[in-house]
N, C-alpha and C. Protein backbone atom coordinates (compact mmCIF):
# COMPACT_ATOMS: atom_id res chain seq x y z
N UNK A 1 -26.07 -7.11 59.09
CA UNK A 1 -24.73 -6.54 59.00
C UNK A 1 -24.25 -6.25 60.42
N UNK A 2 -23.08 -6.73 60.74
CA UNK A 2 -22.48 -6.48 62.04
C UNK A 2 -21.31 -5.54 61.90
N UNK A 3 -21.30 -4.55 62.75
CA UNK A 3 -20.18 -3.61 62.82
C UNK A 3 -19.73 -3.63 64.27
N UNK A 4 -18.47 -3.90 64.47
CA UNK A 4 -17.94 -3.98 65.83
C UNK A 4 -18.13 -2.67 66.57
N UNK A 5 -18.58 -2.77 67.81
CA UNK A 5 -18.76 -1.59 68.65
C UNK A 5 -20.12 -0.94 68.54
N UNK A 6 -21.02 -1.47 67.69
CA UNK A 6 -22.35 -0.89 67.52
C UNK A 6 -23.31 -1.50 68.54
N UNK A 7 -24.05 -0.63 69.21
CA UNK A 7 -25.11 -1.08 70.11
C UNK A 7 -26.37 -0.27 69.85
N UNK A 8 -27.51 -0.93 69.96
CA UNK A 8 -28.81 -0.27 69.84
C UNK A 8 -29.51 -0.35 71.18
N UNK A 9 -30.18 0.73 71.56
CA UNK A 9 -30.95 0.70 72.80
C UNK A 9 -32.16 1.60 72.66
N UNK A 10 -33.23 1.21 73.33
CA UNK A 10 -34.42 2.03 73.38
C UNK A 10 -34.13 3.27 74.22
N UNK A 11 -34.70 4.39 73.80
CA UNK A 11 -34.50 5.65 74.53
C UNK A 11 -35.72 6.53 74.35
N UNK A 12 -36.10 7.26 75.39
CA UNK A 12 -37.23 8.19 75.26
C UNK A 12 -36.80 9.45 74.50
N UNK A 13 -37.78 10.18 74.00
CA UNK A 13 -37.49 11.42 73.27
C UNK A 13 -36.78 12.43 74.16
N UNK A 14 -36.91 12.29 75.47
CA UNK A 14 -36.29 13.21 76.40
C UNK A 14 -34.83 12.87 76.72
N UNK A 15 -34.34 11.73 76.22
CA UNK A 15 -32.96 11.33 76.48
C UNK A 15 -32.00 12.39 75.94
N UNK A 16 -30.99 12.71 76.73
CA UNK A 16 -30.04 13.77 76.35
C UNK A 16 -29.37 13.47 75.00
N UNK A 17 -28.93 12.25 74.78
CA UNK A 17 -28.25 11.91 73.52
C UNK A 17 -29.21 12.00 72.34
N UNK A 18 -30.45 11.52 72.52
CA UNK A 18 -31.45 11.61 71.45
C UNK A 18 -31.72 13.08 71.13
N UNK A 19 -31.90 13.89 72.15
CA UNK A 19 -32.17 15.31 71.93
C UNK A 19 -31.02 15.99 71.18
N UNK A 20 -29.79 15.64 71.53
CA UNK A 20 -28.63 16.23 70.85
C UNK A 20 -28.59 15.80 69.38
N UNK A 21 -28.88 14.53 69.11
CA UNK A 21 -28.88 14.05 67.72
C UNK A 21 -30.01 14.69 66.92
N UNK A 22 -31.20 14.79 67.50
CA UNK A 22 -32.33 15.40 66.80
C UNK A 22 -32.05 16.88 66.54
N UNK A 23 -31.45 17.56 67.48
CA UNK A 23 -31.09 18.97 67.28
C UNK A 23 -30.08 19.11 66.15
N UNK A 24 -29.10 18.23 66.09
CA UNK A 24 -28.11 18.26 65.01
C UNK A 24 -28.78 17.98 63.67
N UNK A 25 -29.71 17.03 63.64
CA UNK A 25 -30.41 16.72 62.40
C UNK A 25 -31.22 17.91 61.92
N UNK A 26 -31.95 18.55 62.83
CA UNK A 26 -32.78 19.68 62.46
C UNK A 26 -31.92 20.85 61.96
N UNK A 27 -30.75 21.06 62.57
CA UNK A 27 -29.84 22.12 62.11
C UNK A 27 -29.31 21.80 60.71
N UNK A 28 -28.99 20.54 60.46
CA UNK A 28 -28.51 20.14 59.14
C UNK A 28 -29.59 20.34 58.08
N UNK A 29 -30.82 19.99 58.42
CA UNK A 29 -31.93 20.18 57.47
C UNK A 29 -32.21 21.66 57.23
N UNK A 30 -32.13 22.47 58.27
CA UNK A 30 -32.34 23.92 58.11
C UNK A 30 -31.27 24.51 57.20
N UNK A 31 -30.03 24.05 57.33
CA UNK A 31 -28.95 24.53 56.46
C UNK A 31 -29.18 24.10 55.02
N UNK A 32 -29.76 22.93 54.84
CA UNK A 32 -29.99 22.38 53.50
C UNK A 32 -31.20 23.01 52.81
N UNK A 33 -32.29 23.19 53.56
CA UNK A 33 -33.56 23.61 52.98
C UNK A 33 -34.02 25.01 53.38
N UNK A 34 -33.37 25.61 54.34
CA UNK A 34 -33.82 26.90 54.85
C UNK A 34 -34.64 26.73 56.10
N UNK A 35 -34.84 27.81 56.77
CA UNK A 35 -35.52 27.79 58.07
C UNK A 35 -37.03 27.73 57.97
N UNK A 36 -37.60 27.87 56.76
CA UNK A 36 -39.05 27.98 56.65
C UNK A 36 -39.75 26.63 56.44
N UNK A 37 -39.10 25.55 56.78
CA UNK A 37 -39.73 24.24 56.65
C UNK A 37 -40.71 24.04 57.81
N UNK A 38 -41.74 23.20 57.59
CA UNK A 38 -42.71 23.01 58.67
C UNK A 38 -42.06 22.34 59.88
N UNK A 39 -42.36 22.87 61.05
CA UNK A 39 -41.89 22.27 62.29
C UNK A 39 -42.93 21.23 62.69
N UNK A 40 -42.55 19.97 62.64
CA UNK A 40 -43.49 18.89 62.89
C UNK A 40 -43.28 18.38 64.31
N UNK A 41 -44.30 18.50 65.11
CA UNK A 41 -44.23 18.03 66.49
C UNK A 41 -44.21 16.51 66.52
N UNK A 42 -43.52 15.97 67.50
CA UNK A 42 -43.48 14.53 67.68
C UNK A 42 -44.62 14.09 68.60
N UNK A 43 -45.18 12.95 68.28
CA UNK A 43 -46.24 12.37 69.10
C UNK A 43 -45.66 12.01 70.46
N UNK A 44 -46.41 12.19 71.53
CA UNK A 44 -45.86 11.86 72.86
C UNK A 44 -45.50 10.38 73.02
N UNK A 45 -46.07 9.52 72.20
CA UNK A 45 -45.78 8.09 72.30
C UNK A 45 -44.63 7.64 71.40
N UNK A 46 -43.88 8.58 70.82
CA UNK A 46 -42.78 8.19 69.95
C UNK A 46 -41.74 7.39 70.76
N UNK A 47 -41.22 6.37 70.11
CA UNK A 47 -40.19 5.52 70.73
C UNK A 47 -38.92 5.63 69.90
N UNK A 48 -37.83 6.03 70.53
CA UNK A 48 -36.57 6.17 69.82
C UNK A 48 -35.67 4.96 70.02
N UNK A 49 -34.87 4.71 69.02
CA UNK A 49 -33.77 3.76 69.11
C UNK A 49 -32.50 4.59 68.96
N UNK A 50 -31.61 4.43 69.91
CA UNK A 50 -30.34 5.14 69.92
C UNK A 50 -29.25 4.17 69.48
N UNK A 51 -28.41 4.60 68.55
CA UNK A 51 -27.30 3.79 68.08
C UNK A 51 -26.01 4.40 68.61
N UNK A 52 -25.23 3.57 69.30
CA UNK A 52 -23.92 4.03 69.78
C UNK A 52 -22.83 3.22 69.09
N UNK A 53 -21.70 3.86 68.91
CA UNK A 53 -20.53 3.23 68.34
C UNK A 53 -19.41 3.41 69.35
N UNK A 54 -18.96 2.29 69.90
CA UNK A 54 -17.95 2.32 70.97
C UNK A 54 -18.37 3.24 72.11
N UNK A 55 -19.67 3.20 72.42
CA UNK A 55 -20.20 3.97 73.54
C UNK A 55 -20.59 5.40 73.22
N UNK A 56 -20.30 5.88 72.02
CA UNK A 56 -20.63 7.24 71.63
C UNK A 56 -21.91 7.26 70.80
N UNK A 57 -22.91 8.07 71.19
CA UNK A 57 -24.13 8.16 70.40
C UNK A 57 -23.83 8.76 69.02
N UNK A 58 -24.19 8.02 67.96
CA UNK A 58 -23.93 8.50 66.60
C UNK A 58 -25.15 8.46 65.71
N UNK A 59 -26.27 7.91 66.18
CA UNK A 59 -27.45 7.84 65.35
C UNK A 59 -28.70 7.55 66.14
N UNK A 60 -29.84 7.85 65.53
CA UNK A 60 -31.13 7.57 66.17
C UNK A 60 -32.21 7.46 65.11
N UNK A 61 -33.31 6.87 65.53
CA UNK A 61 -34.51 6.82 64.70
C UNK A 61 -35.70 6.72 65.63
N UNK A 62 -36.79 7.38 65.25
CA UNK A 62 -38.00 7.33 66.04
C UNK A 62 -39.11 6.58 65.32
N UNK A 63 -39.92 5.88 66.09
CA UNK A 63 -41.11 5.21 65.57
C UNK A 63 -42.30 5.88 66.23
N UNK A 64 -43.10 6.55 65.42
CA UNK A 64 -44.24 7.32 65.92
C UNK A 64 -45.54 6.65 65.49
N UNK A 65 -46.43 6.37 66.44
CA UNK A 65 -47.73 5.82 66.05
C UNK A 65 -48.56 6.88 65.33
N UNK A 66 -49.28 6.46 64.31
CA UNK A 66 -50.11 7.39 63.54
C UNK A 66 -51.57 6.99 63.60
N UNK A 67 -51.84 5.74 63.34
CA UNK A 67 -53.20 5.19 63.32
C UNK A 67 -53.08 3.70 63.55
N UNK A 68 -54.20 3.02 63.78
CA UNK A 68 -54.08 1.56 63.93
C UNK A 68 -53.33 0.96 62.74
N UNK A 69 -52.33 0.19 63.04
CA UNK A 69 -51.50 -0.52 62.05
C UNK A 69 -50.54 0.37 61.27
N UNK A 70 -50.52 1.68 61.52
CA UNK A 70 -49.66 2.60 60.76
C UNK A 70 -48.71 3.34 61.70
N UNK A 71 -47.44 3.30 61.34
CA UNK A 71 -46.43 4.05 62.07
C UNK A 71 -45.65 4.92 61.11
N UNK A 72 -44.94 5.89 61.69
CA UNK A 72 -44.14 6.80 60.87
C UNK A 72 -42.71 6.83 61.40
N UNK A 73 -41.77 6.73 60.50
CA UNK A 73 -40.36 6.86 60.85
C UNK A 73 -40.05 8.34 60.96
N UNK A 74 -39.48 8.73 62.10
CA UNK A 74 -39.18 10.14 62.36
C UNK A 74 -37.74 10.29 62.82
N UNK A 75 -37.14 11.40 62.44
CA UNK A 75 -35.83 11.83 62.95
C UNK A 75 -34.72 10.79 62.78
N UNK A 76 -34.75 10.05 61.66
CA UNK A 76 -33.65 9.13 61.36
C UNK A 76 -32.42 9.97 61.09
N UNK A 77 -31.33 9.68 61.81
CA UNK A 77 -30.14 10.51 61.68
C UNK A 77 -28.90 9.74 62.09
N UNK A 78 -27.85 9.95 61.31
CA UNK A 78 -26.50 9.47 61.64
C UNK A 78 -25.58 10.67 61.50
N UNK A 79 -24.72 10.89 62.49
CA UNK A 79 -23.82 12.03 62.45
C UNK A 79 -22.91 11.92 61.22
N UNK A 80 -22.54 13.05 60.62
CA UNK A 80 -21.73 13.02 59.39
C UNK A 80 -20.44 12.20 59.51
N UNK A 81 -19.79 12.23 60.66
CA UNK A 81 -18.51 11.49 60.80
C UNK A 81 -18.69 9.98 60.83
N UNK A 82 -19.93 9.50 60.99
CA UNK A 82 -20.18 8.06 61.05
C UNK A 82 -20.95 7.56 59.83
N UNK A 83 -21.07 8.37 58.81
CA UNK A 83 -21.80 7.96 57.61
C UNK A 83 -20.92 7.12 56.69
N UNK A 84 -21.61 6.31 55.89
CA UNK A 84 -20.92 5.49 54.91
C UNK A 84 -20.53 4.11 55.43
N UNK A 85 -20.92 3.77 56.64
CA UNK A 85 -20.57 2.47 57.24
C UNK A 85 -21.75 1.52 57.32
N UNK A 86 -22.93 1.96 56.87
CA UNK A 86 -24.10 1.11 56.94
C UNK A 86 -24.92 1.26 58.21
N UNK A 87 -24.63 2.29 59.00
CA UNK A 87 -25.37 2.48 60.25
C UNK A 87 -26.83 2.83 60.01
N UNK A 88 -27.13 3.55 58.95
CA UNK A 88 -28.53 3.89 58.67
C UNK A 88 -29.31 2.62 58.32
N UNK A 89 -28.67 1.67 57.66
CA UNK A 89 -29.35 0.40 57.37
C UNK A 89 -29.66 -0.35 58.66
N UNK A 90 -28.73 -0.30 59.61
CA UNK A 90 -28.95 -0.94 60.91
C UNK A 90 -30.14 -0.29 61.61
N UNK A 91 -30.19 1.05 61.60
CA UNK A 91 -31.31 1.76 62.22
C UNK A 91 -32.64 1.43 61.54
N UNK A 92 -32.63 1.40 60.21
CA UNK A 92 -33.86 1.12 59.48
C UNK A 92 -34.35 -0.29 59.77
N UNK A 93 -33.47 -1.26 59.79
CA UNK A 93 -33.84 -2.64 60.12
C UNK A 93 -34.40 -2.71 61.54
N UNK A 94 -33.78 -1.98 62.46
CA UNK A 94 -34.25 -1.99 63.86
C UNK A 94 -35.64 -1.39 63.99
N UNK A 95 -35.90 -0.27 63.32
CA UNK A 95 -37.21 0.37 63.46
C UNK A 95 -38.29 -0.47 62.78
N UNK A 96 -37.97 -1.14 61.70
CA UNK A 96 -38.94 -2.03 61.06
C UNK A 96 -39.26 -3.21 61.98
N UNK A 97 -38.25 -3.77 62.61
CA UNK A 97 -38.46 -4.88 63.55
C UNK A 97 -39.32 -4.43 64.73
N UNK A 98 -39.02 -3.25 65.24
CA UNK A 98 -39.80 -2.69 66.34
C UNK A 98 -41.26 -2.50 65.92
N UNK A 99 -41.47 -1.98 64.72
CA UNK A 99 -42.83 -1.76 64.22
C UNK A 99 -43.59 -3.09 64.14
N UNK A 100 -42.95 -4.10 63.58
CA UNK A 100 -43.60 -5.41 63.48
C UNK A 100 -43.95 -5.95 64.87
N UNK A 101 -43.04 -5.79 65.83
CA UNK A 101 -43.27 -6.33 67.16
C UNK A 101 -44.41 -5.63 67.90
N UNK A 102 -44.74 -4.42 67.47
CA UNK A 102 -45.86 -3.70 68.09
C UNK A 102 -47.15 -3.84 67.28
N UNK A 103 -47.13 -4.67 66.25
CA UNK A 103 -48.34 -4.93 65.48
C UNK A 103 -48.58 -4.00 64.31
N UNK A 104 -47.62 -3.13 64.02
CA UNK A 104 -47.80 -2.24 62.87
C UNK A 104 -47.59 -3.03 61.58
N UNK A 105 -48.38 -2.72 60.57
CA UNK A 105 -48.28 -3.43 59.30
C UNK A 105 -47.82 -2.51 58.16
N UNK A 106 -47.70 -1.22 58.45
CA UNK A 106 -47.28 -0.26 57.42
C UNK A 106 -46.48 0.85 58.09
N UNK A 107 -45.41 1.25 57.41
CA UNK A 107 -44.61 2.39 57.85
C UNK A 107 -44.59 3.43 56.75
N UNK A 108 -44.58 4.69 57.15
CA UNK A 108 -44.44 5.78 56.20
C UNK A 108 -43.34 6.71 56.70
N UNK A 109 -42.90 7.58 55.80
CA UNK A 109 -41.87 8.55 56.16
C UNK A 109 -41.86 9.68 55.16
N UNK A 110 -41.23 10.77 55.57
CA UNK A 110 -41.02 11.93 54.70
C UNK A 110 -39.54 12.23 54.71
N UNK A 111 -39.03 12.53 53.53
CA UNK A 111 -37.65 12.99 53.39
C UNK A 111 -37.65 14.12 52.37
N UNK A 112 -36.49 14.67 52.10
CA UNK A 112 -36.43 15.81 51.20
C UNK A 112 -35.77 15.49 49.87
N UNK A 113 -36.07 16.31 48.90
CA UNK A 113 -35.57 16.11 47.54
C UNK A 113 -34.04 16.21 47.44
N UNK A 114 -33.39 16.89 48.39
CA UNK A 114 -31.93 17.05 48.37
C UNK A 114 -31.19 15.94 49.12
N UNK A 115 -31.92 14.97 49.63
CA UNK A 115 -31.31 13.91 50.43
C UNK A 115 -31.22 12.62 49.62
N UNK A 116 -30.34 12.62 48.64
CA UNK A 116 -30.21 11.48 47.72
C UNK A 116 -29.87 10.18 48.44
N UNK A 117 -29.01 10.24 49.45
CA UNK A 117 -28.62 9.03 50.18
C UNK A 117 -29.82 8.44 50.92
N UNK A 118 -30.64 9.31 51.52
CA UNK A 118 -31.83 8.83 52.23
C UNK A 118 -32.82 8.21 51.26
N UNK A 119 -33.03 8.86 50.14
CA UNK A 119 -33.96 8.33 49.13
C UNK A 119 -33.49 6.96 48.66
N UNK A 120 -32.19 6.82 48.41
CA UNK A 120 -31.65 5.53 47.98
C UNK A 120 -31.81 4.47 49.06
N UNK A 121 -31.55 4.84 50.31
CA UNK A 121 -31.71 3.90 51.41
C UNK A 121 -33.13 3.37 51.45
N UNK A 122 -34.09 4.26 51.44
CA UNK A 122 -35.48 3.85 51.58
C UNK A 122 -35.95 3.04 50.37
N UNK A 123 -35.65 3.49 49.17
CA UNK A 123 -36.12 2.74 48.00
C UNK A 123 -35.43 1.38 47.90
N UNK A 124 -34.17 1.30 48.30
CA UNK A 124 -33.46 0.01 48.29
C UNK A 124 -34.01 -0.96 49.34
N UNK A 125 -34.75 -0.44 50.32
CA UNK A 125 -35.35 -1.29 51.35
C UNK A 125 -36.86 -1.47 51.15
N UNK A 126 -37.34 -1.20 49.95
CA UNK A 126 -38.73 -1.51 49.63
C UNK A 126 -39.75 -0.41 49.87
N UNK A 127 -39.30 0.77 50.22
CA UNK A 127 -40.22 1.89 50.39
C UNK A 127 -40.55 2.45 49.02
N UNK A 128 -41.83 2.74 48.82
CA UNK A 128 -42.30 3.23 47.53
C UNK A 128 -42.90 4.62 47.70
N UNK A 129 -42.77 5.47 46.67
CA UNK A 129 -43.34 6.82 46.75
C UNK A 129 -44.84 6.76 46.99
N UNK A 130 -45.31 7.67 47.83
CA UNK A 130 -46.73 7.82 48.10
C UNK A 130 -47.08 9.29 48.01
N UNK A 131 -48.35 9.61 47.84
CA UNK A 131 -48.73 11.02 47.85
C UNK A 131 -48.36 11.65 49.19
N UNK A 132 -47.98 12.90 49.17
CA UNK A 132 -47.63 13.58 50.43
C UNK A 132 -48.82 13.60 51.39
N UNK A 133 -48.53 13.42 52.65
CA UNK A 133 -49.55 13.46 53.69
C UNK A 133 -49.31 14.69 54.57
N UNK A 134 -50.34 15.14 55.30
CA UNK A 134 -50.18 16.33 56.13
C UNK A 134 -49.05 16.14 57.16
N UNK A 135 -48.26 17.15 57.37
CA UNK A 135 -48.34 18.53 56.89
C UNK A 135 -47.47 18.78 55.65
N UNK A 136 -47.13 17.74 54.91
CA UNK A 136 -46.18 17.87 53.80
C UNK A 136 -46.83 18.03 52.43
N UNK A 137 -48.16 18.02 52.35
CA UNK A 137 -48.84 17.99 51.06
C UNK A 137 -48.61 19.24 50.20
N UNK A 138 -48.16 20.32 50.80
CA UNK A 138 -47.90 21.54 50.02
C UNK A 138 -46.43 21.94 50.07
N UNK A 139 -45.56 20.99 50.42
CA UNK A 139 -44.12 21.25 50.49
C UNK A 139 -43.44 20.69 49.24
N UNK A 140 -42.97 21.55 48.35
CA UNK A 140 -42.39 21.07 47.10
C UNK A 140 -41.09 20.27 47.29
N UNK A 141 -40.42 20.43 48.41
CA UNK A 141 -39.17 19.69 48.63
C UNK A 141 -39.38 18.40 49.41
N UNK A 142 -40.63 18.07 49.73
CA UNK A 142 -40.93 16.85 50.48
C UNK A 142 -41.25 15.70 49.56
N UNK A 143 -40.71 14.54 49.92
CA UNK A 143 -41.02 13.27 49.25
C UNK A 143 -41.51 12.31 50.33
N UNK A 144 -42.61 11.64 50.08
CA UNK A 144 -43.15 10.69 51.05
C UNK A 144 -43.07 9.28 50.48
N UNK A 145 -42.80 8.35 51.38
CA UNK A 145 -42.64 6.94 51.03
C UNK A 145 -43.39 6.10 52.04
N UNK A 146 -43.72 4.86 51.65
CA UNK A 146 -44.36 3.93 52.57
C UNK A 146 -43.97 2.51 52.20
N UNK A 147 -44.11 1.62 53.18
CA UNK A 147 -43.79 0.22 52.99
C UNK A 147 -44.74 -0.62 53.82
N UNK A 148 -45.29 -1.67 53.20
CA UNK A 148 -46.06 -2.65 53.94
C UNK A 148 -45.08 -3.64 54.54
N UNK A 149 -45.25 -3.90 55.82
CA UNK A 149 -44.34 -4.80 56.52
C UNK A 149 -44.81 -6.25 56.44
């Protein structure tokens, strides 16, 4: 899917735009689920993809190594004003391609029970429910998914 003005670029977790998007995502999740959700640290080797629209950062996704052949999708986010245009599909396709290029054969992720759009995105792209993995195994609002690439 091509959307005019969309660009993807690699960015470190320390990138100002990535940090702003991740902060916005975490604030949105805190408003949705409350402040008592587990704070999950990012692996130092996480690689972000930044999505810009006409030069403005509007989305990001992180690929975090977990184990040999296994990666985790982290901090997938599109700002509310840019939703509904298919940008999350572009990010998901990009992170899957990145995972394949680094030799990963499986991706996993965690999302929440109140995020119907995210659940639909992942299941429509072949992600299947899996048992919760740490630190989400005792979180009633967490849903975990995985996909073999």
